[in-house]
C-alpha atoms as a PDB file:
ATOM      1  CA  MET A   1     -28.470 -25.890   1.713  1.00  0.00           C
ATOM      2  CA  ARG A   2     -29.156 -22.825   4.458  1.00  0.00           C
ATOM      3  CA  ARG A   3     -26.114 -23.590   6.467  1.00  0.00           C
ATOM      4  CA  PHE A   4     -23.928 -24.003   2.810  1.00  0.00           C
ATOM      5  CA  ILE A   5     -25.064 -20.582   2.284  1.00  0.00           C
ATOM      6  CA  MET A   6     -24.170 -19.068   5.522  1.00  0.00           C
ATOM      7  CA  VAL A   7     -20.951 -20.778   5.249  1.00  0.00           C
ATOM      8  CA  VAL A   8     -20.155 -18.819   1.598  1.00  0.00           C
ATOM      9  CA  CYS A   9     -21.449 -15.474   2.816  1.00  0.00           C
ATOM     10  CA  ALA A  10     -19.051 -15.936   5.836  1.00  0.00           C
ATOM     11  CA  LEU A  11     -16.056 -16.490   3.648  1.00  0.00           C
ATOM     12  CA  GLY A  12     -16.774 -13.476   1.882  1.00  0.00           C
ATOM     13  CA  LEU A  13     -17.164 -10.929   4.403  1.00  0.00           C
ATOM     14  CA  GLY A  14     -13.970 -12.018   5.903  1.00  0.00           C
ATOM     15  CA  CYS A  15     -12.040 -12.151   2.508  1.00  0.00           C
ATOM     16  CA  GLY A  16     -13.705  -8.424   2.329  1.00  0.00           C
ATOM     17  CA  LEU A  17     -12.560  -7.347   5.119  1.00  0.00           C
ATOM     18  CA  ALA A  18      -8.800  -8.814   4.804  1.00  0.00           C
ATOM     19  CA  GLN A  19      -8.914  -6.925   1.627  1.00  0.00           C
ATOM     20  CA  ALA A  20     -10.081  -3.688   3.106  1.00  0.00           C
ATOM     21  CA  GLN A  21      -7.183  -4.210   5.769  1.00  0.00           C
ATOM     22  CA  GLU A  22      -4.273  -4.621   3.098  1.00  0.00           C
ATOM     23  CA  THR A  23      -5.576  -1.515   1.310  1.00  0.00           C
ATOM     24  CA  ARG A  24      -5.133   0.565   4.341  1.00  0.00           C
ATOM     25  CA  SER A  25      -1.994  -1.212   5.442  1.00  0.00           C
ATOM     26  CA  GLU A  26      -0.732   0.274   1.975  1.00  0.00           C
ATOM     27  CA  GLU A  27      -1.754   3.766   2.442  1.00  0.00           C
ATOM     28  CA  PHE A  28       1.542   5.266   3.505  1.00  0.00           C
ATOM     29  CA  ALA A  29       4.301   2.498   4.238  1.00  0.00           C
ATOM     30  CA  ASP A  30       5.715   0.919   1.462  1.00  0.00           C
ATOM     31  CA  MET A  31       8.324  -1.936   1.417  1.00  0.00           C
ATOM     32  CA  PRO A  32      11.918  -0.692   2.373  1.00  0.00           C
ATOM     33  CA  ALA A  33      14.749  -0.107  -0.406  1.00  0.00           C
ATOM     34  CA  GLN A  34      17.750  -1.041   1.534  1.00  0.00           C
ATOM     35  CA  SER A  35      17.237  -5.171   1.845  1.00  0.00           C
ATOM     36  CA  ALA A  36      15.005  -7.926   2.553  1.00  0.00           C
ATOM     37  CA  ALA A  37      16.343  -8.516   6.182  1.00  0.00           C
ATOM     38  CA  ALA A  38      15.461  -4.920   6.888  1.00  0.00           C
ATOM     39  CA  SER A  39      11.882  -5.141   5.733  1.00  0.00           C
ATOM     40  CA  ASP A  40      11.135  -8.152   7.963  1.00  0.00           C
ATOM     41  CA  ALA A  41      12.194  -5.489  10.994  1.00  0.00           C
ATOM     42  CA  LEU A  42       9.639  -2.809   9.958  1.00  0.00           C
ATOM     43  CA  PRO A  43       6.046  -2.520  11.166  1.00  0.00           C
ATOM     44  CA  THR A  44       3.576  -2.549   8.963  1.00  0.00           C
ATOM     45  CA  ARG A  45       0.070  -0.565   9.568  1.00  0.00           C
ATOM     46  CA  GLN A  46      -1.861  -3.765  10.274  1.00  0.00           C
ATOM     47  CA  GLU A  47       1.162  -4.319  13.482  1.00  0.00           C
ATOM     48  CA  GLU A  48       0.694  -0.919  14.554  1.00  0.00           C
ATOM     49  CA  THR A  49      -1.633   0.204  17.313  1.00  0.00           C
ATOM     50  CA  PRO A  50      -3.921   3.187  16.600  1.00  0.00           C
ATOM     51  CA  ALA A  51      -1.545   5.373  18.862  1.00  0.00           C
ATOM     52  CA  VAL A  52       1.610   4.435  16.964  1.00  0.00           C
ATOM     53  CA  GLU A  53      -0.561   5.390  14.020  1.00  0.00           C
ATOM     54  CA  ALA A  54      -1.937   8.455  15.243  1.00  0.00           C
ATOM     55  CA  THR A  55       1.859   9.345  15.991  1.00  0.00           C
ATOM     56  CA  VAL A  56       2.560   8.567  12.623  1.00  0.00           C
ATOM     57  CA  ASP A  57       0.009  10.405  10.860  1.00  0.00           C
ATOM     58  CA  ASN A  58       0.505  13.590  13.256  1.00  0.00           C
ATOM     59  CA  LEU A  59       4.084  13.552  12.337  1.00  0.00           C
ATOM     60  CA  TRP A  60       3.687  13.919   8.631  1.00  0.00           C
ATOM     61  CA  ASP A  61       1.674  16.652   8.767  1.00  0.00           C
ATOM     62  CA  GLN A  62       3.754  18.397  11.355  1.00  0.00           C
ATOM     63  CA  ALA A  63       6.709  17.786   8.563  1.00  0.00           C
ATOM     64  CA  ASN A  64       4.639  19.225   5.783  1.00  0.00           C
ATOM     65  CA  THR A  65       3.557  21.978   7.636  1.00  0.00           C
ATOM     66  CA  ALA A  66       7.210  22.477   8.682  1.00  0.00           C
ATOM     67  CA  TYR A  67       8.189  22.373   5.118  1.00  0.00           C
ATOM     68  CA  ILE A  68       5.486  24.812   3.602  1.00  0.00           C
ATOM     69  CA  ASN A  69       6.571  26.865   6.631  1.00  0.00           C
ATOM     70  CA  GLY A  70      10.533  27.109   5.271  1.00  0.00           C
ATOM     71  CA  ASP A  71      11.494  25.567   8.483  1.00  0.00           C
ATOM     72  CA  PHE A  72      13.428  22.367   6.575  1.00  0.00           C
ATOM     73  CA  HIS A  73      15.543  21.907   9.866  1.00  0.00           C
ATOM     74  CA  THR A  74      12.937  20.883  11.411  1.00  0.00           C
ATOM     75  CA  ALA A  75      10.786  19.025   8.816  1.00  0.00           C
ATOM     76  CA  ALA A  76      14.148  16.990   7.869  1.00  0.00           C
ATOM     77  CA  ASP A  77      14.340  16.193  11.580  1.00  0.00           C
ATOM     78  CA  THR A  78      10.361  14.977  11.997  1.00  0.00           C
ATOM     79  CA  TYR A  79      10.956  13.268   8.262  1.00  0.00           C
ATOM     80  CA  GLU A  80      13.543  11.376   9.695  1.00  0.00           C
ATOM     81  CA  ARG A  81      11.535  10.409  12.769  1.00  0.00           C
ATOM     82  CA  LEU A  82       8.672   8.966  10.459  1.00  0.00           C
ATOM     83  CA  LEU A  83      12.092   6.752   8.939  1.00  0.00           C
ATOM     84  CA  ALA A  84      12.807   5.733  12.492  1.00  0.00           C
ATOM     85  CA  GLN A  85       9.637   4.612  13.401  1.00  0.00           C
ATOM     86  CA  GLY A  86       9.777   2.366   9.925  1.00  0.00           C
ATOM     87  CA  ALA A  87       7.144   4.316   7.994  1.00  0.00           C
ATOM     88  CA  VAL A  88       9.154   4.491   4.132  1.00  0.00           C
ATOM     89  CA  SER A  89       7.468   5.068   1.134  1.00  0.00           C
ATOM     90  CA  GLY A  90       8.834   7.162  -1.913  1.00  0.00           C
ATOM     91  CA  LYS A  91       6.955   9.941  -1.091  1.00  0.00           C
ATOM     92  CA  LEU A  92       8.519  10.399   2.657  1.00  0.00           C
ATOM     93  CA  TYR A  93      11.990   9.918   0.917  1.00  0.00           C
ATOM     94  CA  TYR A  94      11.288  12.547  -1.727  1.00  0.00           C
ATOM     95  CA  ASN A  95      10.099  15.219   0.739  1.00  0.00           C
ATOM     96  CA  LEU A  96      12.992  14.439   3.268  1.00  0.00           C
ATOM     97  CA  ALA A  97      15.631  15.110   0.248  1.00  0.00           C
ATOM     98  CA  ASN A  98      13.760  18.246  -0.535  1.00  0.00           C
ATOM     99  CA  ALA A  99      14.139  19.347   2.862  1.00  0.00           C
ATOM    100  CA  CYS A 100      17.881  18.274   3.125  1.00  0.00           C
ATOM    101  CA  PHE A 101      18.326  19.706  -0.378  1.00  0.00           C
ATOM    102  CA  LYS A 102      17.205  23.231   1.021  1.00  0.00           C
ATOM    103  CA  GLU A 103      19.602  23.262   3.852  1.00  0.00           C
ATOM    104  CA  ASP A 104      22.450  22.593   1.191  1.00  0.00           C
ATOM    105  CA  ARG A 105      22.865  19.150   2.824  1.00  0.00           C
ATOM    106  CA  LEU A 106      23.951  17.866  -0.441  1.00  0.00           C
ATOM    107  CA  GLY A 107      24.932  14.265   0.747  1.00  0.00           C
ATOM    108  CA  LYS A 108      21.914  13.319   2.503  1.00  0.00           C
ATOM    109  CA  ALA A 109      19.672  14.861  -0.478  1.00  0.00           C
ATOM    110  CA  VAL A 110      21.407  12.816  -2.956  1.00  0.00           C
ATOM    111  CA  LEU A 111      21.363   9.888  -0.975  1.00  0.00           C
ATOM    112  CA  TYR A 112      17.727   9.924  -0.100  1.00  0.00           C
ATOM    113  CA  TYR A 113      16.529  11.212  -3.612  1.00  0.00           C
ATOM    114  CA  ARG A 114      18.057   7.537  -5.091  1.00  0.00           C
ATOM    115  CA  ARG A 115      16.071   5.912  -2.169  1.00  0.00           C
ATOM    116  CA  ALA A 116      13.018   7.702  -3.318  1.00  0.00           C
ATOM    117  CA  LEU A 117      14.017   6.676  -7.083  1.00  0.00           C
ATOM    118  CA  ARG A 118      14.575   3.044  -6.206  1.00  0.00           C
ATOM    119  CA  LEU A 119      11.043   3.028  -4.505  1.00  0.00           C
ATOM    120  CA  THR A 120       9.182   4.693  -7.433  1.00  0.00           C
ATOM    121  CA  PRO A 121      11.182   4.424 -10.230  1.00  0.00           C
ATOM    122  CA  GLY A 122       9.030   5.935 -13.081  1.00  0.00           C
ATOM    123  CA  ASN A 123       8.736   9.155 -11.254  1.00  0.00           C
ATOM    124  CA  GLY A 124       9.974  12.133 -13.200  1.00  0.00           C
ATOM    125  CA  ASP A 125      10.217  14.666 -10.242  1.00  0.00           C
ATOM    126  CA  ILE A 126      12.340  12.650  -8.278  1.00  0.00           C
ATOM    127  CA  ARG A 127      14.619  11.714 -11.339  1.00  0.00           C
ATOM    128  CA  TYR A 128      14.926  15.656 -12.405  1.00  0.00           C
ATOM    129  CA  ASN A 129      15.475  16.979  -8.593  1.00  0.00           C
ATOM    130  CA  LEU A 130      18.223  14.167  -8.347  1.00  0.00           C
ATOM    131  CA  SER A 131      19.859  15.609 -11.531  1.00  0.00           C
ATOM    132  CA  VAL A 132      19.519  19.199 -10.064  1.00  0.00           C
ATOM    133  CA  ALA A 133      21.588  17.903  -6.924  1.00  0.00           C
ATOM    134  CA  GLU A 134      24.204  16.015  -8.548  1.00  0.00           C
ATOM    135  CA  ALA A 135      24.630  19.200 -10.590  1.00  0.00           C
ATOM    136  CA  ARG A 136      25.485  20.995  -7.428  1.00  0.00           C
ATOM    137  CA  THR A 137      28.138  18.553  -6.365  1.00  0.00           C
ATOM    138  CA  LYS A 138      32.177  19.245  -6.683  1.00  0.00           C
ATOM    139  CA  ASP A 139      33.198  16.309  -8.247  1.00  0.00           C
ATOM    140  CA  HIS A 140      31.825  16.133 -11.548  1.00  0.00           C
ATOM    141  CA  ILE A 141      33.146  12.697 -13.152  1.00  0.00           C
ATOM    142  CA  GLU A 142      32.504  11.751 -16.522  1.00  0.00           C
ATOM    143  CA  LYS A 143      31.075   8.328 -17.108  1.00  0.00           C
ATOM    144  CA  ILE A 144      32.028   5.499 -18.869  1.00  0.00           C
ATOM    145  CA  PRO A 145      29.953   5.184 -22.179  1.00  0.00           C
ATOM    146  CA  GLU A 146      27.586   2.685 -22.201  1.00  0.00           C
ATOM    147  CA  PHE A 147      26.393   0.744 -25.075  1.00  0.00           C
ATOM    148  CA  PHE A 148      23.169   2.370 -26.414  1.00  0.00           C
ATOM    149  CA  PHE A 149      21.052  -0.674 -26.243  1.00  0.00           C
ATOM    150  CA  VAL A 150      21.858  -1.190 -22.670  1.00  0.00           C
ATOM    151  CA  VAL A 151      20.761   2.453 -21.468  1.00  0.00           C
ATOM    152  CA  TRP A 152      17.761   2.134 -23.818  1.00  0.00           C
ATOM    153  CA  MET A 153      16.626  -1.145 -22.214  1.00  0.00           C
ATOM    154  CA  ARG A 154      17.315   0.278 -18.518  1.00  0.00           C
ATOM    155  CA  GLY A 155      15.011   3.495 -19.578  1.00  0.00           C
ATOM    156  CA  VAL A 156      12.186   0.927 -20.588  1.00  0.00           C
ATOM    157  CA  ARG A 157      12.760  -0.983 -17.279  1.00  0.00           C
ATOM    158  CA  GLN A 158      12.649   2.122 -14.906  1.00  0.00           C
ATOM    159  CA  ILE A 159       9.648   3.085 -16.077  1.00  0.00           C
ATOM    160  CA  MET A 160       7.690   1.405 -13.934  1.00  0.00           C
ATOM    161  CA  SER A 161       8.426  -0.198 -10.451  1.00  0.00           C
ATOM    162  CA  GLY A 162       9.019  -3.494  -9.927  1.00  0.00           C
ATOM    163  CA  SER A 163       5.779  -4.349  -8.311  1.00  0.00           C
ATOM    164  CA  ALA A 164       3.902  -3.157 -11.513  1.00  0.00           C
ATOM    165  CA  TRP A 165       6.395  -5.202 -13.651  1.00  0.00           C
ATOM    166  CA  THR A 166       5.563  -8.169 -11.441  1.00  0.00           C
ATOM    167  CA  GLY A 167       1.898  -7.544 -11.827  1.00  0.00           C
ATOM    168  CA  LEU A 168       1.994  -7.061 -15.762  1.00  0.00           C
ATOM    169  CA  SER A 169       3.912 -10.356 -16.337  1.00  0.00           C
ATOM    170  CA  LEU A 170       0.973 -12.190 -14.031  1.00  0.00           C
ATOM    171  CA  ALA A 171      -1.135 -10.545 -16.664  1.00  0.00           C
ATOM    172  CA  ALA A 172       0.609 -11.337 -19.376  1.00  0.00           C
ATOM    173  CA  LEU A 173       0.557 -14.953 -18.409  1.00  0.00           C
ATOM    174  CA  VAL A 174      -3.225 -15.477 -17.736  1.00  0.00           C
ATOM    175  CA  CYS A 175      -3.708 -14.062 -21.268  1.00  0.00           C
ATOM    176  CA  ALA A 176      -1.318 -16.001 -22.609  1.00  0.00           C
ATOM    177  CA  LEU A 177      -2.811 -19.183 -21.030  1.00  0.00           C
ATOM    178  CA  ALA A 178      -6.605 -17.760 -22.203  1.00  0.00           C
ATOM    179  CA  LEU A 179      -5.102 -17.319 -25.890  1.00  0.00           C
ATOM    180  CA  PHE A 180      -3.666 -21.021 -26.061  1.00  0.00           C
ATOM    181  CA  LEU A 181      -7.004 -22.191 -24.973  1.00  0.00           C
ATOM    182  CA  LEU A 182      -8.422 -20.550 -27.576  1.00  0.00           C
ATOM    183  CA  TYR A 183      -5.855 -21.559 -30.341  1.00  0.00           C
ATOM    184  CA  LEU A 184      -6.427 -25.363 -29.074  1.00  0.00           C
ATOM    185  CA  LEU A 185     -10.674 -25.237 -28.589  1.00  0.00           C
ATOM    186  CA  ALA A 186     -11.559 -22.397 -31.318  1.00  0.00           C
ATOM    187  CA  GLN A 187     -13.095 -24.243 -34.782  1.00  0.00           C
ATOM    188  CA  ARG A 188     -12.701 -21.210 -37.437  1.00  0.00           C
ATOM    189  CA  LEU A 189      -9.331 -20.217 -38.612  1.00  0.00           C
ATOM    190  CA  PRO A 190      -9.186 -17.066 -37.765  1.00  0.00           C
ATOM    191  CA  LEU A 191      -9.715 -17.539 -34.262  1.00  0.00           C
ATOM    192  CA  ARG A 192      -7.254 -20.089 -33.925  1.00  0.00           C
ATOM    193  CA  LYS A 193      -4.867 -17.781 -35.983  1.00  0.00           C
ATOM    194  CA  ALA A 194      -5.677 -14.996 -33.375  1.00  0.00           C
ATOM    195  CA  GLY A 195      -5.371 -17.238 -30.129  1.00  0.00           C
ATOM    196  CA  PHE A 196      -1.671 -18.575 -31.522  1.00  0.00           C
ATOM    197  CA  TYR A 197      -0.465 -15.276 -32.465  1.00  0.00           C
ATOM    198  CA  GLY A 198      -1.830 -13.349 -29.362  1.00  0.00           C
ATOM    199  CA  THR A 199      -0.097 -16.689 -27.379  1.00  0.00           C
ATOM    200  CA  LEU A 200       2.896 -15.891 -28.821  1.00  0.00           C
ATOM    201  CA  ALA A 201       2.605 -11.846 -28.019  1.00  0.00           C
ATOM    202  CA  ALA A 202       1.594 -12.464 -24.454  1.00  0.00           C
ATOM    203  CA  ALA A 203       4.303 -14.944 -23.677  1.00  0.00           C
ATOM    204  CA  VAL A 204       7.257 -12.360 -24.770  1.00  0.00           C
ATOM    205  CA  ILE A 205       5.411  -9.727 -22.644  1.00  0.00           C
ATOM    206  CA  PHE A 206       5.444 -12.328 -19.739  1.00  0.00           C
ATOM    207  CA  VAL A 207       9.114 -13.046 -20.630  1.00  0.00           C
ATOM    208  CA  CYS A 208       9.999  -9.239 -20.888  1.00  0.00           C
ATOM    209  CA  ALA A 209       7.895  -8.206 -17.893  1.00  0.00           C
ATOM    210  CA  THR A 210       9.487 -10.778 -15.719  1.00  0.00           C
ATOM    211  CA  CYS A 211      13.062 -10.013 -16.342  1.00  0.00           C
ATOM    212  CA  PHE A 212      12.324  -6.394 -15.721  1.00  0.00           C
ATOM    213  CA  ALA A 213      10.642  -6.976 -12.235  1.00  0.00           C
ATOM    214  CA  ALA A 214      13.785  -9.363 -10.967  1.00  0.00           C
ATOM    215  CA  ALA A 215      16.111  -6.661 -12.329  1.00  0.00           C
ATOM    216  CA  GLU A 216      14.267  -3.746 -10.549  1.00  0.00           C
ATOM    217  CA  ARG A 217      14.526  -6.237  -7.586  1.00  0.00           C
ATOM    218  CA  ARG A 218      17.867  -6.376  -7.534  1.00  0.00           C
ATOM    219  CA  ALA A 219      18.752  -2.653  -7.899  1.00  0.00           C
ATOM    220  CA  ALA A 220      16.303  -2.249  -5.344  1.00  0.00           C
ATOM    221  CA  LEU A 221      18.386  -4.290  -2.966  1.00  0.00           C
ATOM    222  CA  ASP A 222      21.483  -3.105  -4.178  1.00  0.00           C
ATOM    223  CA  ARG A 223      24.114  -2.895  -1.260  1.00  0.00           C
ATOM    224  CA  THR A 224      26.713  -1.979  -3.547  1.00  0.00           C
ATOM    225  CA  GLN A 225      25.802   1.797  -4.098  1.00  0.00           C
ATOM    226  CA  ALA A 226      26.599   4.550  -1.605  1.00  0.00           C
ATOM    227  CA  VAL A 227      27.307   8.236  -1.473  1.00  0.00           C
ATOM    228  CA  VAL A 228      30.188  10.282  -0.127  1.00  0.00           C
ATOM    229  CA  MET A 229      28.886  11.970   3.016  1.00  0.00           C
ATOM    230  CA  ALA A 230      31.739  13.563   4.098  1.00  0.00           C
ATOM    231  CA  THR A 231      32.703  17.033   3.022  1.00  0.00           C
ATOM    232  CA  ALA A 232      36.258  15.752   1.673  1.00  0.00           C
ATOM    233  CA  ALA A 233      37.094  12.340   1.646  1.00  0.00           C
ATOM    234  CA  ALA A 234      40.691  11.367   0.568  1.00  0.00           C
ATOM    235  CA  VAL A 235      40.694   7.998  -1.646  1.00  0.00           C
ATOM    236  CA  LYS A 236      43.860   5.925  -0.894  1.00  0.00           C
ATOM    237  CA  SER A 237      45.712   3.600  -2.269  1.00  0.00           C
ATOM    238  CA  SER A 238      45.567   1.074   0.377  1.00  0.00           C
ATOM    239  CA  PRO A 239      43.435   0.331   3.420  1.00  0.00           C
ATOM    240  CA  ASP A 240      45.596   2.675   5.499  1.00  0.00           C
ATOM    241  CA  LYS A 241      45.449   5.784   6.775  1.00  0.00           C
ATOM    242  CA  SER A 242      49.004   6.623   5.892  1.00  0.00           C
ATOM    243  CA  ALA A 243      48.830   5.165   2.666  1.00  0.00           C
ATOM    244  CA  THR A 244      49.032   7.355  -0.556  1.00  0.00           C
ATOM    245  CA  ASP A 245      46.391   9.726  -1.520  1.00  0.00           C
ATOM    246  CA  LEU A 246      44.785   8.904  -4.783  1.00  0.00           C
ATOM    247  CA  PHE A 247      42.356  11.340  -5.415  1.00  0.00           C
ATOM    248  CA  VAL A 248      39.666  13.401  -3.102  1.00  0.00           C
ATOM    249  CA  LEU A 249      36.164  12.681  -3.241  1.00  0.00           C
ATOM    250  CA  HIS A 250      33.289  15.394  -2.012  1.00  0.00           C
ATOM    251  CA  GLU A 251      29.803  15.543   0.095  1.00  0.00           C
ATOM    252  CA  GLY A 252      27.327  13.886  -2.769  1.00  0.00           C
ATOM    253  CA  THR A 253      29.413  12.108  -5.251  1.00  0.00           C
ATOM    254  CA  VAL A 254      28.397   8.711  -5.511  1.00  0.00           C
ATOM    255  CA  VAL A 255      30.324   5.370  -5.271  1.00  0.00           C
ATOM    256  CA  ARG A 256      30.380   1.317  -6.175  1.00  0.00           C
ATOM    257  CA  ILE A 257      31.479  -0.613  -3.393  1.00  0.00           C
ATOM    258  CA  ALA A 258      33.906  -3.443  -4.513  1.00  0.00           C
ATOM    259  CA  ASP A 259      35.419  -4.910  -1.439  1.00  0.00           C
ATOM    260  CA  ARG A 260      35.736  -4.600   2.000  1.00  0.00           C
ATOM    261  CA  LEU A 261      38.200  -5.068   4.737  1.00  0.00           C
ATOM    262  CA  ASP A 262      37.446  -4.016   8.447  1.00  0.00           C
ATOM    263  CA  GLU A 263      36.501  -0.353   8.574  1.00  0.00           C
ATOM    264  CA  TRP A 264      37.791   0.119   4.808  1.00  0.00           C
ATOM    265  CA  CYS A 265      35.976   0.125   1.311  1.00  0.00           C
ATOM    266  CA  GLU A 266      37.080  -0.344  -1.880  1.00  0.00           C
ATOM    267  CA  ILE A 267      35.501   1.809  -4.163  1.00  0.00           C
ATOM    268  CA  VAL A 268      34.902   2.714  -7.668  1.00  0.00           C
ATOM    269  CA  ILE A 269      33.445   5.837  -9.398  1.00  0.00           C
ATOM    270  CA  ASP A 270      31.942   6.259 -12.405  1.00  0.00           C
ATOM    271  CA  ASP A 271      35.314   6.862 -14.858  1.00  0.00           C
ATOM    272  CA  GLY A 272      36.709   3.609 -13.163  1.00  0.00           C
ATOM    273  CA  LYS A 273      39.153   4.950 -10.784  1.00  0.00           C
ATOM    274  CA  LYS A 274      39.290   2.995  -7.738  1.00  0.00           C
ATOM    275  CA  GLY A 275      40.239   3.121  -4.094  1.00  0.00           C
ATOM    276  CA  TRP A 276      40.080   2.514  -0.268  1.00  0.00           C
ATOM    277  CA  LEU A 277      38.068   5.099   1.889  1.00  0.00           C
ATOM    278  CA  GLU A 278      36.952   4.583   5.175  1.00  0.00           C
ATOM    279  CA  CYS A 279      33.233   3.099   5.781  1.00  0.00           C
ATOM    280  CA  ARG A 280      32.551   5.693   7.865  1.00  0.00           C
ATOM    281  CA  LYS A 281      32.629   8.304   5.291  1.00  0.00           C
ATOM    282  CA  ILE A 282      29.922   7.049   2.827  1.00  0.00           C
ATOM    283  CA  GLU A 283      26.834   5.934   3.313  1.00  0.00           C
ATOM    284  CA  VAL A 284      24.947   2.768   1.518  1.00  0.00           C
ATOM    285  CA  ILE A 285      21.956   3.816  -0.741  1.00  0.00           C
END
């Protein structure tokens, strides 16, 4: 009996330590938005040595101090050094975007605001600053109207991140199972009714939350959206420098990549126009 108690205590202590380490690992770094393959290459806080952790914290403090003092160029460079070390979070992208916006680097600002929004889609400050930055771009493209239900569903989905929707779906599943057991085992009719209708409601929440979580994950891993980084970029009728110029896009404009051919990308803008653009003039979100 004494040996059994000692084993249980050891297991409980091990779980507590593992949970504490996991909490520490999420204090600064989040999963990157580009792709699952990229996330495997980035170090987590658990894999870093104390020296690297100190460097990340010091760089973070230096960048924030430089931003507060109005040295936005130094702040942006320091934030980018943090990204190079694998420290990725919505707050880091947001601060970097603010620093780039203060320097009138609209392409970088729009790019980093959108990356920050992918990690924290419910953040109103990021969404507002992104709208301000996009209003400063030269290209004002009218979007093709969408069905109102699609717009409404996207707005609901973007209230929370994919991880939050996943947590909600799991909680709804547990509630649905518990309420179903209540429906099966309860003797009283009111309890059976409550269990039945509660199961239906929890099942609906589970399905909706799971769909929203999957949609947010697809959006976070989407590699088709990009931002024009060149001051001015001529969109060609074919993937050839000597081809006819169809129209010109400017820094900060968001495009969708429809196809790739060598060093060229076929892009589509919000009004439906399409053409070919050199891949080096855009950067994938």
